[in-house]
Structures are given as C-alpha cells and as structure tokens.
Amino acid sequence: MRYKIEVQDDTGIWTDVRNDQGALVTFDDEAAARAALAERFPILVQMEKYAGGKRTRVIRIIEDDD
C-alpha cells in the first residue's frame, strides 16, 4: 500500500501535498504519512483535535493493475 497526504484550502478544495520539485509526496506506510502530515501542518492537525472539521487527511493510493 502507498499513501499520500492532502490539505483542504479555505474554499473547501482538497489538494495533494507536493515536494519542492512538484512531485506528489507518497509514503510506504500510514504512520509515516501521518507523521509527515503533522510535521508539515502542525497547527491544522492540532486544531482538528479541538475544533470541528477536518483540514488534513491521509489517503490510501489504490494501485491499478491495468
């Protein structure tokens, strides 16, 4: 399984997190993805614990065999 992280902007649109070169940031396990999410967006991740609504998420990438 591979995972990616996404963040929601102020207008409600979810976007993939990308590195400085513009490539999609992916992870081999969910724990690493969640750690990277907390490292990149610490305020948003902490706010989700106390305020309503999600602004960050970890998504499982489903591989297509075709």
C-alpha atoms as a PDB file:
ATOM      1  CA  MET A   1       0.000   0.000   0.000  1.00  0.00           C
ATOM      2  CA  ARG A   2       1.053   3.560  -0.704  1.00  0.00           C
ATOM      3  CA  TYR A   3      -0.305   6.686   0.959  1.00  0.00           C
ATOM      4  CA  LYS A   4      -0.466  10.391   0.144  1.00  0.00           C
ATOM      5  CA  ILE A   5      -1.421  13.416   2.199  1.00  0.00           C
ATOM      6  CA  GLU A   6      -3.904  16.122   1.289  1.00  0.00           C
ATOM      7  CA  VAL A   7      -4.822  19.502   2.728  1.00  0.00           C
ATOM      8  CA  GLN A   8      -8.027  21.493   2.321  1.00  0.00           C
ATOM      9  CA  ASP A   9      -7.829  25.183   1.406  1.00  0.00           C
ATOM     10  CA  ASP A  10     -10.126  27.948   2.660  1.00  0.00           C
ATOM     11  CA  THR A  11     -12.596  27.359  -0.181  1.00  0.00           C
ATOM     12  CA  GLY A  12     -13.029  23.660   0.688  1.00  0.00           C
ATOM     13  CA  ILE A  13     -10.938  22.209  -2.140  1.00  0.00           C
ATOM     14  CA  TRP A  14      -8.639  19.285  -1.301  1.00  0.00           C
ATOM     15  CA  THR A  15      -5.181  19.283  -2.908  1.00  0.00           C
ATOM     16  CA  ASP A  16      -2.325  16.806  -2.856  1.00  0.00           C
ATOM     17  CA  VAL A  17       0.817  17.782  -0.977  1.00  0.00           C
ATOM     18  CA  ARG A  18       3.779  18.037  -3.321  1.00  0.00           C
ATOM     19  CA  ASN A  19       7.516  18.454  -2.773  1.00  0.00           C
ATOM     20  CA  ASP A  20       9.631  21.415  -3.928  1.00  0.00           C
ATOM     21  CA  GLN A  21      10.012  19.867  -7.395  1.00  0.00           C
ATOM     22  CA  GLY A  22       6.248  19.478  -7.792  1.00  0.00           C
ATOM     23  CA  ALA A  23       6.193  15.695  -7.402  1.00  0.00           C
ATOM     24  CA  LEU A  24       3.480  14.014  -5.340  1.00  0.00           C
ATOM     25  CA  VAL A  25       4.676  13.161  -1.826  1.00  0.00           C
ATOM     26  CA  THR A  26       3.955   9.464  -1.123  1.00  0.00           C
ATOM     27  CA  PHE A  27       4.697   7.098   1.744  1.00  0.00           C
ATOM     28  CA  ASP A  28       5.002   3.333   2.172  1.00  0.00           C
ATOM     29  CA  ASP A  29       3.081   3.190   5.439  1.00  0.00           C
ATOM     30  CA  GLU A  30       0.284   5.127   7.060  1.00  0.00           C
ATOM     31  CA  ALA A  31       2.239   6.001  10.208  1.00  0.00           C
ATOM     32  CA  ALA A  32       4.939   7.744   8.167  1.00  0.00           C
ATOM     33  CA  ALA A  33       2.283   9.658   6.225  1.00  0.00           C
ATOM     34  CA  ARG A  34       0.593  10.807   9.436  1.00  0.00           C
ATOM     35  CA  ALA A  35       3.937  11.869  10.930  1.00  0.00           C
ATOM     36  CA  ALA A  36       4.797  13.877   7.812  1.00  0.00           C
ATOM     37  CA  LEU A  37       1.347  15.466   7.872  1.00  0.00           C
ATOM     38  CA  ALA A  38       1.823  16.578  11.482  1.00  0.00           C
ATOM     39  CA  GLU A  39       5.303  17.876  10.657  1.00  0.00           C
ATOM     40  CA  ARG A  40       4.195  19.908   7.618  1.00  0.00           C
ATOM     41  CA  PHE A  41       0.893  21.186   9.026  1.00  0.00           C
ATOM     42  CA  PRO A  42       1.200  21.085  12.839  1.00  0.00           C
ATOM     43  CA  ILE A  43      -1.371  23.793  13.522  1.00  0.00           C
ATOM     44  CA  LEU A  44      -4.046  22.288  11.283  1.00  0.00           C
ATOM     45  CA  VAL A  45      -3.513  18.810  12.718  1.00  0.00           C
ATOM     46  CA  GLN A  46      -3.775  20.095  16.305  1.00  0.00           C
ATOM     47  CA  MET A  47      -6.850  22.210  15.523  1.00  0.00           C
ATOM     48  CA  GLU A  48      -8.683  19.105  14.291  1.00  0.00           C
ATOM     49  CA  LYS A  49      -8.486  17.660  17.807  1.00  0.00           C
ATOM     50  CA  TYR A  50     -10.261  20.639  19.394  1.00  0.00           C
ATOM     51  CA  ALA A  51     -12.285  22.353  16.667  1.00  0.00           C
ATOM     52  CA  GLY A  52     -14.782  20.760  14.354  1.00  0.00           C
ATOM     53  CA  GLY A  53     -13.933  19.817  10.801  1.00  0.00           C
ATOM     54  CA  LYS A  54     -11.009  18.192   9.036  1.00  0.00           C
ATOM     55  CA  ARG A  55      -8.494  20.197   7.019  1.00  0.00           C
ATOM     56  CA  THR A  56      -5.906  17.443   6.510  1.00  0.00           C
ATOM     57  CA  ARG A  57      -6.112  13.771   5.590  1.00  0.00           C
ATOM     58  CA  VAL A  58      -4.119  10.694   4.681  1.00  0.00           C
ATOM     59  CA  ILE A  59      -5.335   8.878   1.566  1.00  0.00           C
ATOM     60  CA  ARG A  60      -4.557   5.312   0.540  1.00  0.00           C
ATOM     61  CA  ILE A  61      -3.450   5.091  -3.078  1.00  0.00           C
ATOM     62  CA  ILE A  62      -5.053   2.122  -4.806  1.00  0.00           C
ATOM     63  CA  GLU A  63      -2.816   0.651  -7.475  1.00  0.00           C
ATOM     64  CA  ASP A  64      -4.338  -0.071 -10.880  1.00  0.00           C
ATOM     65  CA  ASP A  65      -3.105  -3.363 -12.342  1.00  0.00           C
ATOM     66  CA  ASP A  66      -4.163  -2.487 -15.890  1.00  0.00           C
END
